[in-house]
Amino acid sequence: MPSVALFRFASVACLSTAAAAAHAAPTAADCERSGSWVELTAPGSSEQDAGALQRELATSLEGSGVRACSAVPGATGSAPLADIRLESTSSAHVRVTIVVRDAVTHKLVSRELDLTAMPADGRPLAIAVAADELLRASWAELTLTTQAAKKVEPPAAVQRAVSQVTAAPAETRQGALGAQLAAERYSSGLLLMGADARAGWHTGPVKWLIFPGMRTSRPVAAPDGTVTATSYSLGLYSGLRLLRKAPELLAFGGIAIGRIEYRAEPDVNARATRIAGQTVVARAGLALRLSLVRSLSLQLSAGIGKPLLALAVNDGSHRVTGTTGIELSGSLGLEAAL
């Protein structure tokens, strides 16, 4: 990803000068207390070069909560998340190998750099950016859905470091379209089944959802015949992710505004009628998202609702059915990211 590397190099370069003063070398106690740190060693480098490299790496890791520290002799506190060692393969130190021993994923990864064309004062920055990318690339394994990755619960700082480089650009994951089968059952006994179109988009951590749909019921027995219901609704919801790793879990809430019509099929001696009116239901629930392929996912949801505006149908003094009581809902659908 050359463009990503170039962007990160430029970003760190802009920040490094301003941040240098703020990144005084932490003490051994600072590193061990932080609980989230990486140990940096550069044998053969001067104290000045080693200090510059440490400051540049600290700037590159800034925002994740991971500290960059020099070797801590006799450390008794928290162990480093990784050991980063700089090995020179030339007497002029223009060809170096960065070796990362990752304690989180238990991997050993390395990268060779040729700094021949790089000015001497720019080499610590180039090495720091490369070390940062190598470290995050090793941690990025934790975002996979393999059994090995699922067994590791990475520290919060590691999760932040990975999310900063693995999150897709906002513009490529803003919207999604799909369709779903859905059903609602009211404690009055009415069961409505049908389908929705679905559209969703993100604004920061919040996901917004719109579900226009249609429902119908099977005939419900009444003293003088049967009653069938048909409804049209528009669901408006917002949700927050509870789980970011696959499978994604979303807690949602909102309202569904609709219109329902009851059609009576009377017995021989009864008179047919039609009753129609508005309905409003407040709902909350959980939605599970399972990735199938790169842009297609399976969506499952379950919710509970309370009618704010209900409509029931009676046969004489007998209550036949209606959108009254507690509502239980569920859906199964597919969604494609735009």
Protein backbone atom coordinates (compact mmCIF):
# COMPACT_ATOMS: atom_id res chain seq x y z
CA MET A 1 0.00 0.00 0.00
CA PRO A 2 2.41 2.70 -1.21
CA SER A 3 -0.15 5.50 -0.97
CA VAL A 4 -0.97 4.62 2.65
CA ALA A 5 2.72 4.50 3.55
CA LEU A 6 3.37 7.84 1.84
CA PHE A 7 0.42 9.42 3.65
CA ARG A 8 1.57 8.09 7.03
CA PHE A 9 5.14 9.27 6.37
CA ALA A 10 3.95 12.76 5.48
CA SER A 11 1.60 12.92 8.47
CA VAL A 12 4.27 11.85 10.92
CA ALA A 13 6.77 14.25 9.38
CA CYS A 14 4.39 17.17 9.92
CA LEU A 15 3.76 16.17 13.53
CA SER A 16 7.25 15.16 14.54
CA THR A 17 8.74 18.63 14.93
CA ALA A 18 5.85 19.96 17.00
CA ALA A 19 5.58 16.82 19.11
CA ALA A 20 9.27 16.24 19.79
CA ALA A 21 9.27 18.33 22.94
CA ALA A 22 6.22 16.53 24.27
CA HIS A 23 7.87 13.12 23.89
CA ALA A 24 10.59 13.25 26.46
CA ALA A 25 12.07 9.80 26.99
CA PRO A 26 9.84 7.95 29.49
CA THR A 27 11.42 6.34 32.51
CA ALA A 28 11.37 2.60 33.15
CA ALA A 29 8.61 3.17 35.71
CA ASP A 30 6.55 5.14 33.18
CA CYS A 31 6.73 2.29 30.67
CA GLU A 32 5.87 -0.44 33.14
CA ARG A 33 2.97 1.54 34.64
CA SER A 34 1.46 2.26 31.23
CA GLY A 35 0.86 -1.45 30.56
CA SER A 36 0.94 -0.77 26.81
CA TRP A 37 4.46 -0.21 25.54
CA VAL A 38 6.97 -1.52 23.04
CA GLU A 39 10.66 -1.95 23.75
CA LEU A 40 13.06 -0.40 21.26
CA THR A 41 16.73 -1.35 20.96
CA ALA A 42 19.21 -0.07 18.38
CA PRO A 43 22.67 -1.62 19.01
CA GLY A 44 25.51 0.35 17.48
CA SER A 45 23.51 3.59 17.24
CA SER A 46 24.67 6.70 19.03
CA GLU A 47 22.70 7.92 22.02
CA GLN A 48 21.53 10.88 19.93
CA ASP A 49 20.30 8.68 17.06
CA ALA A 50 18.62 6.23 19.42
CA GLY A 51 16.85 9.08 21.19
CA ALA A 52 15.68 10.57 17.88
CA LEU A 53 14.38 7.17 16.74
CA GLN A 54 12.49 6.69 20.00
CA ARG A 55 10.85 10.12 19.73
CA GLU A 56 9.82 9.52 16.11
CA LEU A 57 8.35 6.11 16.95
CA ALA A 58 6.46 7.62 19.89
CA THR A 59 5.00 10.25 17.54
CA SER A 60 4.04 7.60 14.97
CA LEU A 61 2.24 5.54 17.63
CA GLU A 62 0.56 8.60 19.09
CA GLY A 63 -3.19 8.22 19.43
CA SER A 64 -3.13 4.48 20.05
CA GLY A 65 -1.96 4.72 23.65
CA VAL A 66 1.14 2.58 22.99
CA ARG A 67 4.40 4.01 24.35
CA ALA A 68 7.79 3.60 22.71
CA CYS A 69 10.48 2.95 25.30
CA SER A 70 14.15 2.06 25.35
CA ALA A 71 15.21 -1.25 26.82
CA VAL A 72 14.28 -1.45 30.49
CA PRO A 73 16.96 -3.45 32.35
CA GLY A 74 15.59 -5.68 35.10
CA ALA A 75 11.97 -4.78 34.36
CA THR A 76 9.61 -6.31 36.93
CA GLY A 77 6.33 -4.66 35.89
CA SER A 78 4.24 -5.13 32.77
CA ALA A 79 5.99 -6.82 29.86
CA PRO A 80 6.25 -4.99 26.53
CA LEU A 81 3.69 -5.72 23.82
CA ALA A 82 6.56 -6.16 21.38
CA ASP A 83 10.34 -5.95 21.12
CA ILE A 84 11.57 -3.84 18.19
CA ARG A 85 15.23 -4.29 17.33
CA LEU A 86 17.17 -2.35 14.74
CA GLU A 87 20.00 -4.29 13.14
CA SER A 88 22.46 -2.56 10.81
CA THR A 89 23.63 -4.55 7.78
CA SER A 90 26.23 -1.99 6.63
CA SER A 91 29.03 -0.12 8.35
CA ALA A 92 27.50 3.24 7.38
CA HIS A 93 24.12 2.25 8.86
CA VAL A 94 22.34 2.96 5.56
CA ARG A 95 20.96 -0.56 5.27
CA VAL A 96 19.05 -1.74 8.30
CA THR A 97 16.74 -4.60 9.26
CA ILE A 98 13.83 -3.97 11.60
CA VAL A 99 12.94 -7.08 13.64
CA VAL A 100 9.70 -7.17 15.63
CA ARG A 101 9.01 -9.87 18.21
CA ASP A 102 5.27 -9.53 18.81
CA ALA A 103 4.19 -10.74 22.26
CA VAL A 104 0.49 -10.35 21.40
CA THR A 105 0.38 -12.60 18.33
CA HIS A 106 3.62 -14.47 19.16
CA LYS A 107 5.02 -13.70 15.71
CA LEU A 108 8.46 -12.67 14.50
CA VAL A 109 8.39 -10.29 11.55
CA SER A 110 11.12 -8.26 9.90
CA ARG A 111 11.70 -5.69 7.17
CA GLU A 112 14.79 -4.44 5.41
CA LEU A 113 15.32 -0.76 4.63
CA ASP A 114 17.79 0.88 2.27
CA LEU A 115 18.38 4.43 3.51
CA THR A 116 21.11 5.30 1.03
CA ALA A 117 19.08 8.04 -0.64
CA MET A 118 17.72 9.36 2.68
CA PRO A 119 19.36 12.40 4.38
CA ALA A 120 20.91 11.48 7.70
CA ASP A 121 18.54 13.65 9.72
CA GLY A 122 15.53 12.00 8.05
CA ARG A 123 16.52 8.39 8.71
CA PRO A 124 15.06 8.11 12.25
CA LEU A 125 11.67 9.17 10.89
CA ALA A 126 11.83 6.70 8.00
CA ILE A 127 12.79 3.86 10.35
CA ALA A 128 10.09 4.80 12.88
CA VAL A 129 7.34 4.82 10.23
CA ALA A 130 8.50 1.46 8.87
CA ALA A 131 8.64 -0.05 12.38
CA ASP A 132 5.19 1.28 13.18
CA GLU A 133 3.73 -0.21 9.99
CA LEU A 134 5.41 -3.55 10.64
CA LEU A 135 4.09 -3.65 14.19
CA ARG A 136 0.51 -2.79 13.19
CA ALA A 137 0.65 -5.28 10.31
CA SER A 138 1.47 -8.01 12.82
CA TRP A 139 -1.37 -6.91 15.12
CA ALA A 140 -3.79 -6.71 12.18
CA GLU A 141 -3.93 -10.53 12.26
CA LEU A 142 -6.24 -10.11 15.26
CA THR A 143 -8.98 -8.68 13.01
CA LEU A 144 -9.25 -11.99 11.13
CA THR A 145 -12.00 -14.48 11.91
CA THR A 146 -9.63 -17.44 12.27
CA GLN A 147 -9.79 -19.64 15.36
CA ALA A 148 -6.32 -18.49 16.40
CA ALA A 149 -7.31 -14.82 16.24
CA LYS A 150 -10.52 -15.44 18.20
CA LYS A 151 -8.53 -16.92 21.09
CA VAL A 152 -6.60 -13.67 21.64
CA GLU A 153 -8.16 -10.74 23.48
CA PRO A 154 -5.81 -7.87 22.56
CA PRO A 155 -5.27 -4.90 24.89
CA ALA A 156 -7.33 -1.80 24.15
CA ALA A 157 -4.24 0.07 22.93
CA VAL A 158 -3.55 -2.67 20.37
CA GLN A 159 -7.16 -2.56 19.16
CA ARG A 160 -6.90 1.22 18.71
CA ALA A 161 -3.60 0.90 16.84
CA VAL A 162 -5.08 -1.65 14.45
CA SER A 163 -8.35 0.21 13.90
CA GLN A 164 -6.45 3.35 12.88
CA VAL A 165 -5.02 1.56 9.83
CA THR A 166 -7.58 -1.16 9.02
CA ALA A 167 -10.78 0.87 9.08
CA ALA A 168 -12.08 1.40 5.58
CA PRO A 169 -12.36 5.02 4.43
CA ALA A 170 -15.64 6.50 5.62
CA GLU A 171 -16.83 7.28 2.12
CA THR A 172 -16.59 3.58 1.10
CA ARG A 173 -18.64 2.25 4.01
CA GLN A 174 -21.22 4.94 4.55
CA GLY A 175 -24.21 3.31 2.91
CA ALA A 176 -25.86 -0.07 2.39
CA LEU A 177 -28.97 -1.36 0.66
CA GLY A 178 -30.80 -4.64 1.08
CA ALA A 179 -34.03 -6.53 1.64
CA GLN A 180 -35.39 -8.68 4.43
CA LEU A 181 -38.20 -10.99 5.48
CA ALA A 182 -39.86 -9.77 8.67
CA ALA A 183 -42.63 -10.67 11.11
CA GLU A 184 -44.35 -9.06 14.09
CA ARG A 185 -46.57 -10.77 16.63
CA TYR A 186 -48.73 -8.86 19.09
CA SER A 187 -49.90 -10.18 22.43
CA SER A 188 -53.45 -9.75 21.10
CA GLY A 189 -52.67 -12.70 18.80
CA LEU A 190 -52.19 -10.85 15.51
CA LEU A 191 -49.27 -12.15 13.43
CA LEU A 192 -48.09 -9.98 10.54
CA MET A 193 -45.57 -11.33 8.03
CA GLY A 194 -44.00 -9.71 5.00
CA ALA A 195 -40.90 -8.05 3.60
CA ASP A 196 -38.96 -4.79 3.81
CA ALA A 197 -36.54 -2.92 1.67
CA ARG A 198 -33.71 -1.65 3.86
CA ALA A 199 -31.28 1.23 3.64
CA GLY A 200 -28.60 2.19 6.14
CA TRP A 201 -25.74 4.64 6.56
CA HIS A 202 -23.21 5.66 9.22
CA THR A 203 -22.53 9.01 10.81
CA GLY A 204 -19.59 8.40 13.12
CA PRO A 205 -20.38 5.51 15.49
CA VAL A 206 -24.13 5.72 14.85
CA LYS A 207 -25.89 3.68 12.18
CA TRP A 208 -29.19 4.96 10.76
CA LEU A 209 -31.73 2.58 9.22
CA ILE A 210 -34.88 2.99 7.13
CA PHE A 211 -37.23 0.04 6.48
CA PRO A 212 -40.22 0.58 4.17
CA GLY A 213 -42.30 -2.59 4.13
CA MET A 214 -45.57 -4.46 3.75
CA ARG A 215 -47.19 -7.08 5.99
CA THR A 216 -50.22 -9.33 5.80
CA SER A 217 -51.84 -11.80 8.16
CA ARG A 218 -53.50 -15.14 7.82
CA PRO A 219 -57.30 -15.10 8.34
CA VAL A 220 -58.23 -14.72 12.00
CA ALA A 221 -61.40 -16.45 13.13
CA ALA A 222 -64.27 -14.27 14.38
CA PRO A 223 -67.77 -15.19 15.60
CA ASP A 224 -69.30 -14.13 12.25
CA GLY A 225 -66.49 -14.98 9.80
CA THR A 226 -62.79 -14.21 9.44
CA VAL A 227 -60.65 -11.08 9.42
CA THR A 228 -57.46 -10.50 7.41
CA ALA A 229 -55.03 -7.62 8.00
CA THR A 230 -52.70 -5.81 5.57
CA SER A 231 -50.29 -3.12 6.70
CA TYR A 232 -47.77 -0.73 5.16
CA SER A 233 -45.10 0.81 7.37
CA LEU A 234 -41.93 2.87 7.45
CA GLY A 235 -39.40 2.02 10.15
CA LEU A 236 -36.90 4.65 11.29
CA TYR A 237 -34.12 3.44 13.58
CA SER A 238 -30.68 4.30 14.92
CA GLY A 239 -28.15 1.89 16.40
CA LEU A 240 -24.79 1.58 18.13
CA ARG A 241 -22.31 -1.26 17.65
CA LEU A 242 -21.74 -3.40 20.74
CA LEU A 243 -19.21 -5.69 19.02
CA ARG A 244 -16.78 -4.45 16.35
CA LYS A 245 -15.17 -7.80 15.60
CA ALA A 246 -17.09 -10.26 13.44
CA PRO A 247 -19.89 -11.00 13.96
CA GLU A 248 -21.00 -7.39 14.39
CA LEU A 249 -23.68 -6.81 17.05
CA LEU A 250 -25.87 -3.70 16.94
CA ALA A 251 -28.29 -2.36 19.56
CA PHE A 252 -31.06 -0.36 17.89
CA GLY A 253 -34.14 1.64 18.74
CA GLY A 254 -36.74 3.70 16.87
CA ILE A 255 -40.32 3.83 15.64
CA ALA A 256 -42.39 2.30 12.87
CA ILE A 257 -45.17 4.45 11.42
CA GLY A 258 -47.77 2.73 9.31
CA ARG A 259 -51.31 2.15 8.13
CA ILE A 260 -53.25 -1.07 8.66
CA GLU A 261 -56.47 -2.28 7.07
CA TYR A 262 -58.70 -5.08 8.34
CA ARG A 263 -60.92 -6.86 5.81
CA ALA A 264 -63.77 -9.02 7.04
CA GLU A 265 -64.97 -12.12 5.23
CA PRO A 266 -68.40 -12.66 6.79
CA ASP A 267 -70.55 -15.73 7.11
CA VAL A 268 -73.73 -15.94 5.05
CA ASN A 269 -75.87 -13.88 7.42
CA ALA A 270 -73.24 -11.27 8.40
CA ARG A 271 -72.25 -7.96 6.84
CA ALA A 272 -68.71 -7.34 5.55
CA THR A 273 -66.83 -4.28 6.73
CA ARG A 274 -63.41 -2.71 6.31
CA ILE A 275 -61.57 -0.83 9.01
CA ALA A 276 -58.35 1.12 8.40
CA GLY A 277 -56.23 3.46 10.47
CA GLN A 278 -52.78 4.65 11.49
CA THR A 279 -50.35 2.76 13.72
CA VAL A 280 -47.18 3.81 15.54
CA VAL A 281 -44.92 1.33 17.34
CA ALA A 282 -41.80 2.08 19.42
CA ARG A 283 -39.21 -0.69 19.08
CA ALA A 284 -35.82 -1.68 20.45
CA GLY A 285 -33.69 -4.74 19.91
CA LEU A 286 -30.48 -6.34 18.74
CA ALA A 287 -29.22 -6.97 15.21
CA LEU A 288 -26.49 -9.41 14.21
CA ARG A 289 -24.43 -8.94 11.03
CA LEU A 290 -22.54 -11.87 9.49
CA SER A 291 -20.22 -11.18 6.55
CA LEU A 292 -20.73 -13.54 3.61
CA VAL A 293 -18.45 -12.03 0.98
CA ARG A 294 -16.58 -8.74 0.76
CA SER A 295 -19.63 -6.43 0.42
CA LEU A 296 -22.55 -8.76 1.18
CA SER A 297 -23.73 -9.63 4.68
CA LEU A 298 -26.51 -11.58 6.37
CA GLN A 299 -28.61 -9.57 8.81
CA LEU A 300 -30.65 -11.05 11.68
CA SER A 301 -32.61 -9.04 14.22
CA ALA A 302 -34.95 -9.53 17.15
CA GLY A 303 -36.86 -6.81 18.95
CA ILE A 304 -39.62 -5.88 21.32
CA GLY A 305 -42.09 -3.06 20.81
CA LYS A 306 -44.91 -1.11 22.39
CA PRO A 307 -47.73 0.31 20.25
CA LEU A 308 -48.13 4.06 20.77
CA LEU A 309 -51.06 4.24 18.36
CA ALA A 310 -52.98 0.98 17.85
CA LEU A 311 -56.00 -0.21 15.90
CA ALA A 312 -58.14 -3.23 16.82
CA VAL A 313 -61.16 -4.84 15.20
CA ASN A 314 -64.24 -6.15 17.02
CA ASP A 315 -67.07 -8.46 16.05
CA GLY A 316 -69.89 -7.08 18.11
CA SER A 317 -68.59 -7.05 21.67
CA HIS A 318 -65.89 -9.61 20.86
CA ARG A 319 -62.32 -8.37 20.31
CA VAL A 320 -61.07 -10.26 17.26
CA THR A 321 -57.53 -8.98 16.83
CA GLY A 322 -55.43 -5.83 16.68
CA THR A 323 -52.06 -4.16 17.03
CA THR A 324 -52.40 -4.04 20.81
CA GLY A 325 -50.31 -5.27 23.70
CA ILE A 326 -46.62 -6.09 23.50
CA GLU A 327 -45.08 -6.68 20.08
CA LEU A 328 -42.29 -9.17 19.35
CA SER A 329 -40.48 -8.82 16.02
CA GLY A 330 -37.80 -10.52 13.99
CA SER A 331 -36.17 -10.28 10.57
CA LEU A 332 -33.76 -12.10 8.27
CA GLY A 333 -32.22 -10.33 5.30
CA LEU A 334 -29.28 -9.50 3.08
CA GLU A 335 -27.43 -6.18 2.87
CA ALA A 336 -24.90 -4.98 0.31
CA ALA A 337 -22.42 -2.22 1.19
CA LEU A 338 -22.22 0.64 -1.28
